[in-house]
Amino acid sequence: MNLNLRPATSADAERLLAWRNDLVTRQSSINTDPVSLENHLAWLAKILREDESAPTRQLFIAEEVGTPVGTVRLDWASDRKAVELSWTIAPEARGRGLGQAMVEAATELPAVRGKQVLAKVKPENVASMKIVANLGFTRLPDDPLGLTEWLIQK
């Protein structure tokens, strides 16, 4: 599979909002509420303004042969020793194994090597739980909100 992760840009705003507000995506997300254009643009602008030398959040677009198929987000702990990973598959790209390829690519990024990687997944999101289990993440006790937590040391 020819999958590439590239940093998101402001040109991705419309696509990212459409993916985020997709009904299936919202059902799998921790926050299931639709996001307004105004809030989305402010959120994206904040991420894109962050200091590249030590960002607290990084956002990537996954591309398959140049076509955007999803997004991966890294949320860094303040000590930079751990990162929380989240991802979204474009509605038109679901069911092709791209989620696992995206998560694997994210865990192999140079900045992630040697770090603990955490993924929080809703228990009903079977596809995402299979992804992290297949990639060798270990399931931890559920968090206080009932989300499953998965961890791997890279």
C-alpha atoms as a PDB file:
ATOM      1  CA  MET A   1       0.000   0.000   0.000  1.00  0.00           C
ATOM      2  CA  ASN A   2       1.453   3.339  -1.050  1.00  0.00           C
ATOM      3  CA  LEU A   3       0.429   5.543   1.893  1.00  0.00           C
ATOM      4  CA  ASN A   4       2.065   8.839   2.797  1.00  0.00           C
ATOM      5  CA  LEU A   5       1.541  11.189   5.763  1.00  0.00           C
ATOM      6  CA  ARG A   6       2.005  14.892   5.126  1.00  0.00           C
ATOM      7  CA  PRO A   7       1.448  17.838   7.459  1.00  0.00           C
ATOM      8  CA  ALA A   8      -2.017  19.355   7.175  1.00  0.00           C
ATOM      9  CA  THR A   9      -2.318  22.888   5.799  1.00  0.00           C
ATOM     10  CA  SER A  10      -5.023  25.536   5.740  1.00  0.00           C
ATOM     11  CA  ALA A  11      -5.935  24.264   2.252  1.00  0.00           C
ATOM     12  CA  ASP A  12      -7.205  21.076   3.952  1.00  0.00           C
ATOM     13  CA  ALA A  13      -9.750  22.940   6.105  1.00  0.00           C
ATOM     14  CA  GLU A  14     -12.882  22.136   4.087  1.00  0.00           C
ATOM     15  CA  ARG A  15     -11.963  18.467   3.666  1.00  0.00           C
ATOM     16  CA  LEU A  16     -11.107  18.039   7.361  1.00  0.00           C
ATOM     17  CA  LEU A  17     -14.389  19.616   8.446  1.00  0.00           C
ATOM     18  CA  ALA A  18     -16.395  17.380   6.091  1.00  0.00           C
ATOM     19  CA  TRP A  19     -14.633  14.278   7.438  1.00  0.00           C
ATOM     20  CA  ARG A  20     -15.081  15.414  11.050  1.00  0.00           C
ATOM     21  CA  ASN A  21     -18.803  16.104  10.624  1.00  0.00           C
ATOM     22  CA  ASP A  22     -19.534  12.856   8.784  1.00  0.00           C
ATOM     23  CA  LEU A  23     -22.153  10.952  10.821  1.00  0.00           C
ATOM     24  CA  VAL A  24     -20.146   7.708  11.096  1.00  0.00           C
ATOM     25  CA  THR A  25     -17.027   9.644  12.116  1.00  0.00           C
ATOM     26  CA  ARG A  26     -18.986  11.550  14.768  1.00  0.00           C
ATOM     27  CA  GLN A  27     -20.435   8.318  16.163  1.00  0.00           C
ATOM     28  CA  SER A  28     -16.888   6.947  16.607  1.00  0.00           C
ATOM     29  CA  SER A  29     -15.494  10.189  18.037  1.00  0.00           C
ATOM     30  CA  ILE A  30     -15.251  11.036  21.704  1.00  0.00           C
ATOM     31  CA  ASN A  31     -17.091  14.302  20.994  1.00  0.00           C
ATOM     32  CA  THR A  32     -20.082  13.387  18.830  1.00  0.00           C
ATOM     33  CA  ASP A  33     -21.356  16.941  18.319  1.00  0.00           C
ATOM     34  CA  PRO A  34     -21.098  18.513  14.854  1.00  0.00           C
ATOM     35  CA  VAL A  35     -18.383  21.162  14.583  1.00  0.00           C
ATOM     36  CA  SER A  36     -19.165  24.607  13.158  1.00  0.00           C
ATOM     37  CA  LEU A  37     -17.056  26.093  10.383  1.00  0.00           C
ATOM     38  CA  GLU A  38     -16.022  28.968  12.676  1.00  0.00           C
ATOM     39  CA  ASN A  39     -14.839  26.639  15.468  1.00  0.00           C
ATOM     40  CA  HIS A  40     -13.105  24.329  13.003  1.00  0.00           C
ATOM     41  CA  LEU A  41     -11.165  27.152  11.342  1.00  0.00           C
ATOM     42  CA  ALA A  42     -10.044  28.514  14.731  1.00  0.00           C
ATOM     43  CA  TRP A  43      -8.948  25.009  15.849  1.00  0.00           C
ATOM     44  CA  LEU A  44      -7.015  24.370  12.643  1.00  0.00           C
ATOM     45  CA  ALA A  45      -5.367  27.806  12.690  1.00  0.00           C
ATOM     46  CA  LYS A  46      -4.160  27.197  16.251  1.00  0.00           C
ATOM     47  CA  ILE A  47      -2.562  23.872  15.282  1.00  0.00           C
ATOM     48  CA  LEU A  48      -0.893  25.351  12.213  1.00  0.00           C
ATOM     49  CA  ARG A  49       0.538  28.300  14.227  1.00  0.00           C
ATOM     50  CA  GLU A  50       2.283  26.111  16.809  1.00  0.00           C
ATOM     51  CA  ASP A  51       6.044  26.135  17.101  1.00  0.00           C
ATOM     52  CA  GLU A  52       7.328  23.388  14.815  1.00  0.00           C
ATOM     53  CA  SER A  53      10.264  22.607  17.113  1.00  0.00           C
ATOM     54  CA  ALA A  54       7.979  21.383  19.913  1.00  0.00           C
ATOM     55  CA  PRO A  55       4.314  21.378  18.899  1.00  0.00           C
ATOM     56  CA  THR A  56       1.749  20.121  21.394  1.00  0.00           C
ATOM     57  CA  ARG A  57      -0.400  18.834  18.546  1.00  0.00           C
ATOM     58  CA  GLN A  58       0.468  17.723  15.025  1.00  0.00           C
ATOM     59  CA  LEU A  59      -2.043  17.016  12.288  1.00  0.00           C
ATOM     60  CA  PHE A  60      -1.302  14.932   9.214  1.00  0.00           C
ATOM     61  CA  ILE A  61      -3.213  14.095   6.056  1.00  0.00           C
ATOM     62  CA  ALA A  62      -2.857  10.497   4.898  1.00  0.00           C
ATOM     63  CA  GLU A  63      -2.622  10.193   1.137  1.00  0.00           C
ATOM     64  CA  GLU A  64      -2.827   7.094  -1.012  1.00  0.00           C
ATOM     65  CA  VAL A  65      -1.060   7.769  -4.303  1.00  0.00           C
ATOM     66  CA  GLY A  66      -1.617  11.502  -3.781  1.00  0.00           C
ATOM     67  CA  THR A  67      -5.319  11.212  -2.874  1.00  0.00           C
ATOM     68  CA  PRO A  68      -6.312  12.274   0.671  1.00  0.00           C
ATOM     69  CA  VAL A  69      -7.857   9.295   2.494  1.00  0.00           C
ATOM     70  CA  GLY A  70      -7.753  10.273   6.163  1.00  0.00           C
ATOM     71  CA  THR A  71      -6.152  12.205   8.956  1.00  0.00           C
ATOM     72  CA  VAL A  72      -3.916  11.372  11.898  1.00  0.00           C
ATOM     73  CA  ARG A  73      -3.446  13.603  14.931  1.00  0.00           C
ATOM     74  CA  LEU A  74      -0.676  13.451  17.524  1.00  0.00           C
ATOM     75  CA  ASP A  75      -1.264  15.114  20.899  1.00  0.00           C
ATOM     76  CA  TRP A  76       2.032  15.356  22.791  1.00  0.00           C
ATOM     77  CA  ALA A  77       2.443  15.088  26.561  1.00  0.00           C
ATOM     78  CA  SER A  78       4.209  18.097  28.091  1.00  0.00           C
ATOM     79  CA  ASP A  79       7.364  16.039  28.742  1.00  0.00           C
ATOM     80  CA  ARG A  80       7.398  14.810  25.091  1.00  0.00           C
ATOM     81  CA  LYS A  81       7.815  11.191  26.300  1.00  0.00           C
ATOM     82  CA  ALA A  82       4.322  10.152  25.279  1.00  0.00           C
ATOM     83  CA  VAL A  83       1.854  10.964  22.548  1.00  0.00           C
ATOM     84  CA  GLU A  84      -1.862  10.292  22.127  1.00  0.00           C
ATOM     85  CA  LEU A  85      -2.851   9.186  18.653  1.00  0.00           C
ATOM     86  CA  SER A  86      -6.215   9.643  16.948  1.00  0.00           C
ATOM     87  CA  TRP A  87      -7.301   9.107  13.368  1.00  0.00           C
ATOM     88  CA  THR A  88     -10.185   9.458  10.936  1.00  0.00           C
ATOM     89  CA  ILE A  89     -10.756   7.653   7.657  1.00  0.00           C
ATOM     90  CA  ALA A  90     -12.399   9.599   4.845  1.00  0.00           C
ATOM     91  CA  PRO A  91     -15.917   8.224   4.295  1.00  0.00           C
ATOM     92  CA  GLU A  92     -15.117   7.298   0.676  1.00  0.00           C
ATOM     93  CA  ALA A  93     -11.984   5.387   1.776  1.00  0.00           C
ATOM     94  CA  ARG A  94     -13.475   3.171   4.498  1.00  0.00           C
ATOM     95  CA  GLY A  95     -13.232  -0.613   4.410  1.00  0.00           C
ATOM     96  CA  ARG A  96      -9.896  -0.819   2.586  1.00  0.00           C
ATOM     97  CA  GLY A  97      -7.489  -1.340   5.502  1.00  0.00           C
ATOM     98  CA  LEU A  98      -6.238   2.233   5.352  1.00  0.00           C
ATOM     99  CA  GLY A  99      -6.837   2.891   9.050  1.00  0.00           C
ATOM    100  CA  GLN A 100      -4.294   0.308  10.079  1.00  0.00           C
ATOM    101  CA  ALA A 101      -1.798   1.580   7.508  1.00  0.00           C
ATOM    102  CA  MET A 102      -2.297   5.160   8.774  1.00  0.00           C
ATOM    103  CA  VAL A 103      -1.808   4.242  12.428  1.00  0.00           C
ATOM    104  CA  GLU A 104       1.244   2.157  11.583  1.00  0.00           C
ATOM    105  CA  ALA A 105       2.737   5.027   9.557  1.00  0.00           C
ATOM    106  CA  ALA A 106       2.107   7.458  12.420  1.00  0.00           C
ATOM    107  CA  THR A 107       3.808   5.189  14.954  1.00  0.00           C
ATOM    108  CA  GLU A 108       6.847   4.986  12.661  1.00  0.00           C
ATOM    109  CA  LEU A 109       7.321   8.752  12.363  1.00  0.00           C
ATOM    110  CA  PRO A 110      10.814   9.776  13.564  1.00  0.00           C
ATOM    111  CA  ALA A 111       9.349  12.017  16.299  1.00  0.00           C
ATOM    112  CA  VAL A 112       7.375   9.057  17.700  1.00  0.00           C
ATOM    113  CA  ARG A 113      10.238   6.571  17.897  1.00  0.00           C
ATOM    114  CA  GLY A 114      11.169   5.759  21.483  1.00  0.00           C
ATOM    115  CA  LYS A 115       7.915   7.189  22.821  1.00  0.00           C
ATOM    116  CA  GLN A 116       4.831   5.705  24.430  1.00  0.00           C
ATOM    117  CA  VAL A 117       1.850   5.913  22.098  1.00  0.00           C
ATOM    118  CA  LEU A 118      -1.653   5.943  23.585  1.00  0.00           C
ATOM    119  CA  ALA A 119      -4.924   5.471  21.716  1.00  0.00           C
ATOM    120  CA  LYS A 120      -8.349   5.981  23.315  1.00  0.00           C
ATOM    121  CA  VAL A 121     -11.167   4.161  21.546  1.00  0.00           C
ATOM    122  CA  LYS A 122     -14.888   3.906  22.208  1.00  0.00           C
ATOM    123  CA  PRO A 123     -15.774   0.277  23.035  1.00  0.00           C
ATOM    124  CA  GLU A 124     -18.324   0.182  20.198  1.00  0.00           C
ATOM    125  CA  ASN A 125     -15.674   1.247  17.655  1.00  0.00           C
ATOM    126  CA  VAL A 126     -14.707  -2.323  16.792  1.00  0.00           C
ATOM    127  CA  ALA A 127     -12.723  -1.372  13.677  1.00  0.00           C
ATOM    128  CA  SER A 128     -10.377   0.927  15.624  1.00  0.00           C
ATOM    129  CA  MET A 129      -9.969  -1.600  18.440  1.00  0.00           C
ATOM    130  CA  LYS A 130      -8.941  -4.203  15.846  1.00  0.00           C
ATOM    131  CA  ILE A 131      -6.417  -1.769  14.370  1.00  0.00           C
ATOM    132  CA  VAL A 132      -4.595  -1.141  17.637  1.00  0.00           C
ATOM    133  CA  ALA A 133      -4.755  -4.809  18.667  1.00  0.00           C
ATOM    134  CA  ASN A 134      -3.355  -5.912  15.275  1.00  0.00           C
ATOM    135  CA  LEU A 135      -0.479  -3.435  15.618  1.00  0.00           C
ATOM    136  CA  GLY A 136       0.566  -4.759  19.022  1.00  0.00           C
ATOM    137  CA  PHE A 137      -0.919  -2.144  21.332  1.00  0.00           C
ATOM    138  CA  THR A 138      -1.688  -3.461  24.823  1.00  0.00           C
ATOM    139  CA  ARG A 139      -5.128  -2.810  26.256  1.00  0.00           C
ATOM    140  CA  LEU A 140      -5.069  -0.930  29.545  1.00  0.00           C
ATOM    141  CA  PRO A 141      -7.944  -0.577  32.017  1.00  0.00           C
ATOM    142  CA  ASP A 142     -10.729   1.589  30.602  1.00  0.00           C
ATOM    143  CA  ASP A 143     -10.524   5.273  31.448  1.00  0.00           C
ATOM    144  CA  PRO A 144     -13.092   6.926  33.779  1.00  0.00           C
ATOM    145  CA  LEU A 145     -15.282   7.845  30.788  1.00  0.00           C
ATOM    146  CA  GLY A 146     -15.495   4.191  29.691  1.00  0.00           C
ATOM    147  CA  LEU A 147     -13.117   4.559  26.735  1.00  0.00           C
ATOM    148  CA  THR A 148     -10.761   1.709  26.029  1.00  0.00           C
ATOM    149  CA  GLU A 149      -7.116   2.716  26.324  1.00  0.00           C
ATOM    150  CA  TRP A 150      -4.351   1.110  24.314  1.00  0.00           C
ATOM    151  CA  LEU A 151      -0.604   1.611  24.684  1.00  0.00           C
ATOM    152  CA  ILE A 152       2.513   0.687  22.743  1.00  0.00           C
ATOM    153  CA  GLN A 153       6.147   1.622  23.283  1.00  0.00           C
ATOM    154  CA  LYS A 154       7.826   2.542  19.997  1.00  0.00           C
END
